[in-house]
């Protein structure tokens, strides 16, 4: 992570900046999660919480895809 290298070099990297960088170029499937994150209060917005929210959403999307695949396969559809 480039932020870690900057910190190792003695530069301070603002946590707010890190949080915004984490959500800057996410795929469209994360749009609703990003919109929810934008509604957080500033004191709740920090990189660790953003990361946890994105991981939870990625896991949710993965499970949803698995569930849909199971339903389709159990109903005789080919994917």
N, C-alpha and C. Protein backbone atom coordinates (compact mmCIF):
# COMPACT_ATOMS: atom_id res chain seq x y z
N UNK A 1 0.85 -1.17 0.00
CA UNK A 1 0.00 0.00 0.00
C UNK A 1 0.90 1.23 0.00
N UNK A 2 0.64 2.15 -0.88
CA UNK A 2 1.47 3.35 -0.99
C UNK A 2 1.36 4.23 0.25
N UNK A 3 0.22 4.23 0.91
CA UNK A 3 0.06 5.03 2.13
C UNK A 3 1.02 4.55 3.21
N UNK A 4 1.21 3.25 3.31
CA UNK A 4 2.14 2.71 4.30
C UNK A 4 3.57 3.15 3.98
N UNK A 5 3.92 3.17 2.71
CA UNK A 5 5.26 3.62 2.33
C UNK A 5 5.45 5.10 2.64
N UNK A 6 4.41 5.90 2.42
CA UNK A 6 4.50 7.32 2.76
C UNK A 6 4.70 7.50 4.26
N UNK A 7 3.97 6.73 5.04
CA UNK A 7 4.10 6.83 6.50
C UNK A 7 5.49 6.38 6.95
N UNK A 8 6.02 5.33 6.33
CA UNK A 8 7.36 4.87 6.67
C UNK A 8 8.41 5.93 6.35
N UNK A 9 8.14 6.72 5.32
CA UNK A 9 9.07 7.79 4.93
C UNK A 9 8.92 9.03 5.80
N UNK A 10 8.00 8.98 6.76
CA UNK A 10 7.84 10.09 7.68
C UNK A 10 6.76 11.09 7.32
N UNK A 11 5.99 10.80 6.29
CA UNK A 11 4.90 11.70 5.89
C UNK A 11 3.61 11.28 6.60
N UNK A 12 2.88 12.26 7.08
CA UNK A 12 1.60 11.97 7.73
C UNK A 12 0.53 11.82 6.66
N UNK A 13 -0.21 10.72 6.71
CA UNK A 13 -1.32 10.49 5.78
C UNK A 13 -2.61 10.54 6.60
N UNK A 14 -3.46 11.48 6.28
CA UNK A 14 -4.71 11.68 7.01
C UNK A 14 -5.64 10.48 6.81
N UNK A 15 -6.24 10.02 7.89
CA UNK A 15 -7.14 8.88 7.83
C UNK A 15 -8.36 9.17 6.95
N UNK A 16 -8.83 10.39 6.97
CA UNK A 16 -9.96 10.79 6.12
C UNK A 16 -9.58 10.63 4.65
N UNK A 17 -8.38 11.04 4.29
CA UNK A 17 -7.88 10.89 2.92
C UNK A 17 -7.81 9.41 2.53
N UNK A 18 -7.29 8.58 3.42
CA UNK A 18 -7.21 7.15 3.14
C UNK A 18 -8.60 6.55 2.89
N UNK A 19 -9.55 6.94 3.72
CA UNK A 19 -10.91 6.44 3.56
C UNK A 19 -11.50 6.80 2.21
N UNK A 20 -11.32 8.05 1.80
CA UNK A 20 -11.84 8.46 0.49
C UNK A 20 -11.11 7.76 -0.65
N UNK A 21 -9.83 7.53 -0.51
CA UNK A 21 -9.09 6.82 -1.55
C UNK A 21 -9.58 5.38 -1.70
N UNK A 22 -10.01 4.78 -0.61
CA UNK A 22 -10.49 3.40 -0.66
C UNK A 22 -11.77 3.26 -1.47
N UNK A 23 -12.60 4.30 -1.49
CA UNK A 23 -13.89 4.20 -2.18
C UNK A 23 -13.90 4.93 -3.52
N UNK A 24 -12.78 5.48 -3.90
CA UNK A 24 -12.72 6.34 -5.08
C UNK A 24 -13.06 5.63 -6.39
N UNK A 25 -12.48 4.48 -6.66
CA UNK A 25 -12.66 3.82 -7.95
C UNK A 25 -13.26 2.42 -7.82
N UNK A 26 -14.22 2.27 -6.96
CA UNK A 26 -14.85 0.96 -6.79
C UNK A 26 -15.79 0.66 -7.96
N UNK A 27 -16.01 -0.62 -8.25
CA UNK A 27 -16.96 -0.99 -9.31
C UNK A 27 -18.39 -0.56 -8.96
N UNK A 28 -19.22 -0.52 -9.96
CA UNK A 28 -20.61 -0.09 -9.84
C UNK A 28 -21.38 -0.89 -8.78
N UNK A 29 -21.04 -2.16 -8.61
CA UNK A 29 -21.78 -3.00 -7.66
C UNK A 29 -21.64 -2.52 -6.21
N UNK A 30 -20.67 -1.64 -5.93
CA UNK A 30 -20.48 -1.10 -4.59
C UNK A 30 -21.12 0.28 -4.42
N UNK A 31 -21.86 0.74 -5.42
CA UNK A 31 -22.40 2.10 -5.40
C UNK A 31 -23.28 2.37 -4.18
N UNK A 32 -24.18 1.46 -3.84
CA UNK A 32 -25.06 1.70 -2.69
C UNK A 32 -24.27 1.77 -1.39
N UNK A 33 -23.25 0.94 -1.25
CA UNK A 33 -22.42 0.97 -0.05
C UNK A 33 -21.64 2.28 0.03
N UNK A 34 -21.11 2.73 -1.10
CA UNK A 34 -20.38 4.00 -1.12
C UNK A 34 -21.31 5.15 -0.72
N UNK A 35 -22.54 5.13 -1.22
CA UNK A 35 -23.50 6.18 -0.86
C UNK A 35 -23.80 6.16 0.64
N UNK A 36 -23.89 4.97 1.22
CA UNK A 36 -24.10 4.87 2.67
C UNK A 36 -22.90 5.43 3.43
N UNK A 37 -21.70 5.13 2.95
CA UNK A 37 -20.49 5.62 3.60
C UNK A 37 -20.43 7.14 3.56
N UNK A 38 -20.84 7.72 2.43
CA UNK A 38 -20.83 9.18 2.31
C UNK A 38 -21.76 9.84 3.33
N UNK A 39 -22.74 9.12 3.83
CA UNK A 39 -23.68 9.67 4.82
C UNK A 39 -23.17 9.58 6.26
N UNK A 40 -22.06 8.91 6.47
CA UNK A 40 -21.50 8.81 7.81
C UNK A 40 -21.08 10.19 8.31
N UNK A 41 -21.15 10.36 9.62
CA UNK A 41 -20.62 11.58 10.23
C UNK A 41 -19.10 11.56 10.12
N UNK A 42 -18.52 12.74 10.08
CA UNK A 42 -17.07 12.83 9.89
C UNK A 42 -16.29 12.08 10.98
N UNK A 43 -16.77 12.13 12.21
CA UNK A 43 -16.05 11.44 13.29
C UNK A 43 -16.17 9.92 13.19
N UNK A 44 -17.10 9.42 12.38
CA UNK A 44 -17.25 7.98 12.16
C UNK A 44 -16.48 7.51 10.93
N UNK A 45 -15.98 8.45 10.15
CA UNK A 45 -15.34 8.13 8.88
C UNK A 45 -13.84 7.96 9.08
N UNK A 46 -13.40 6.71 9.14
CA UNK A 46 -11.97 6.43 9.21
C UNK A 46 -11.69 5.17 8.39
N UNK A 47 -10.46 5.04 7.94
CA UNK A 47 -10.08 4.01 6.98
C UNK A 47 -10.44 2.60 7.44
N UNK A 48 -10.22 2.29 8.71
CA UNK A 48 -10.51 0.94 9.20
C UNK A 48 -11.98 0.60 9.09
N UNK A 49 -12.84 1.55 9.39
CA UNK A 49 -14.28 1.31 9.29
C UNK A 49 -14.72 1.19 7.84
N UNK A 50 -14.14 2.02 6.95
CA UNK A 50 -14.45 1.94 5.52
C UNK A 50 -14.05 0.56 5.00
N UNK A 51 -12.85 0.12 5.37
CA UNK A 51 -12.37 -1.18 4.93
C UNK A 51 -13.30 -2.30 5.40
N UNK A 52 -13.71 -2.26 6.66
CA UNK A 52 -14.60 -3.29 7.20
C UNK A 52 -15.93 -3.30 6.45
N UNK A 53 -16.46 -2.13 6.15
CA UNK A 53 -17.74 -2.03 5.43
C UNK A 53 -17.62 -2.60 4.02
N UNK A 54 -16.51 -2.30 3.35
CA UNK A 54 -16.30 -2.81 1.98
C UNK A 54 -16.09 -4.32 1.97
N UNK A 55 -15.40 -4.84 2.95
CA UNK A 55 -15.21 -6.29 3.05
C UNK A 55 -16.55 -6.98 3.30
N UNK A 56 -17.36 -6.41 4.19
CA UNK A 56 -18.68 -6.98 4.46
C UNK A 56 -19.54 -6.98 3.21
N UNK A 57 -19.50 -5.90 2.44
CA UNK A 57 -20.29 -5.83 1.21
C UNK A 57 -19.78 -6.81 0.17
N UNK A 58 -18.47 -6.95 0.04
CA UNK A 58 -17.91 -7.92 -0.91
C UNK A 58 -18.34 -9.33 -0.54
N UNK A 59 -18.31 -9.65 0.75
CA UNK A 59 -18.77 -10.97 1.21
C UNK A 59 -20.25 -11.17 0.94
N UNK A 60 -21.05 -10.13 1.18
CA UNK A 60 -22.49 -10.22 0.93
C UNK A 60 -22.76 -10.47 -0.55
N UNK A 61 -22.07 -9.76 -1.42
CA UNK A 61 -22.26 -9.94 -2.86
C UNK A 61 -21.84 -11.34 -3.30
N UNK A 62 -20.74 -11.83 -2.73
CA UNK A 62 -20.27 -13.18 -3.06
C UNK A 62 -21.29 -14.24 -2.63
N UNK A 63 -21.81 -14.11 -1.42
CA UNK A 63 -22.81 -15.07 -0.94
C UNK A 63 -24.09 -15.01 -1.76
N UNK A 64 -24.49 -13.81 -2.14
CA UNK A 64 -25.69 -13.66 -2.96
C UNK A 64 -25.51 -14.35 -4.32
N UNK A 65 -24.32 -14.21 -4.89
CA UNK A 65 -24.03 -14.85 -6.17
C UNK A 65 -24.06 -16.38 -6.02
N UNK A 66 -23.49 -16.88 -4.93
CA UNK A 66 -23.51 -18.32 -4.67
C UNK A 66 -24.94 -18.82 -4.49
N UNK A 67 -25.74 -18.07 -3.74
CA UNK A 67 -27.13 -18.47 -3.51
C UNK A 67 -27.92 -18.51 -4.82
N UNK A 68 -27.74 -17.51 -5.66
CA UNK A 68 -28.43 -17.49 -6.95
C UNK A 68 -28.00 -18.67 -7.81
N UNK A 69 -26.72 -18.96 -7.78
CA UNK A 69 -26.21 -20.10 -8.56
C UNK A 69 -26.85 -21.40 -8.06
N UNK A 70 -26.92 -21.57 -6.75
CA UNK A 70 -27.53 -22.77 -6.16
C UNK A 70 -28.99 -22.89 -6.56
N UNK A 71 -29.73 -21.80 -6.49
CA UNK A 71 -31.15 -21.81 -6.86
C UNK A 71 -31.31 -22.19 -8.32
N UNK A 72 -30.51 -21.58 -9.20
CA UNK A 72 -30.62 -21.88 -10.62
C UNK A 72 -30.27 -23.34 -10.91
N UNK A 73 -29.21 -23.84 -10.30
CA UNK A 73 -28.80 -25.23 -10.55
C UNK A 73 -29.82 -26.22 -10.00
N UNK A 74 -30.41 -25.91 -8.85
CA UNK A 74 -31.42 -26.79 -8.26
C UNK A 74 -32.72 -26.79 -9.05
N UNK A 75 -32.95 -25.75 -9.83
CA UNK A 75 -34.16 -25.67 -10.65
C UNK A 75 -33.92 -26.09 -12.09
N UNK A 76 -32.75 -26.67 -12.36
CA UNK A 76 -32.48 -27.22 -13.67
C UNK A 76 -31.98 -26.24 -14.72
N UNK A 77 -31.60 -25.06 -14.32
CA UNK A 77 -31.06 -24.09 -15.27
C UNK A 77 -29.57 -24.31 -15.43
N UNK A 78 -29.07 -24.09 -16.61
CA UNK A 78 -27.63 -24.14 -16.85
C UNK A 78 -27.07 -22.73 -16.84
N UNK A 79 -25.95 -22.57 -16.19
CA UNK A 79 -25.31 -21.24 -16.15
C UNK A 79 -24.15 -21.19 -17.10
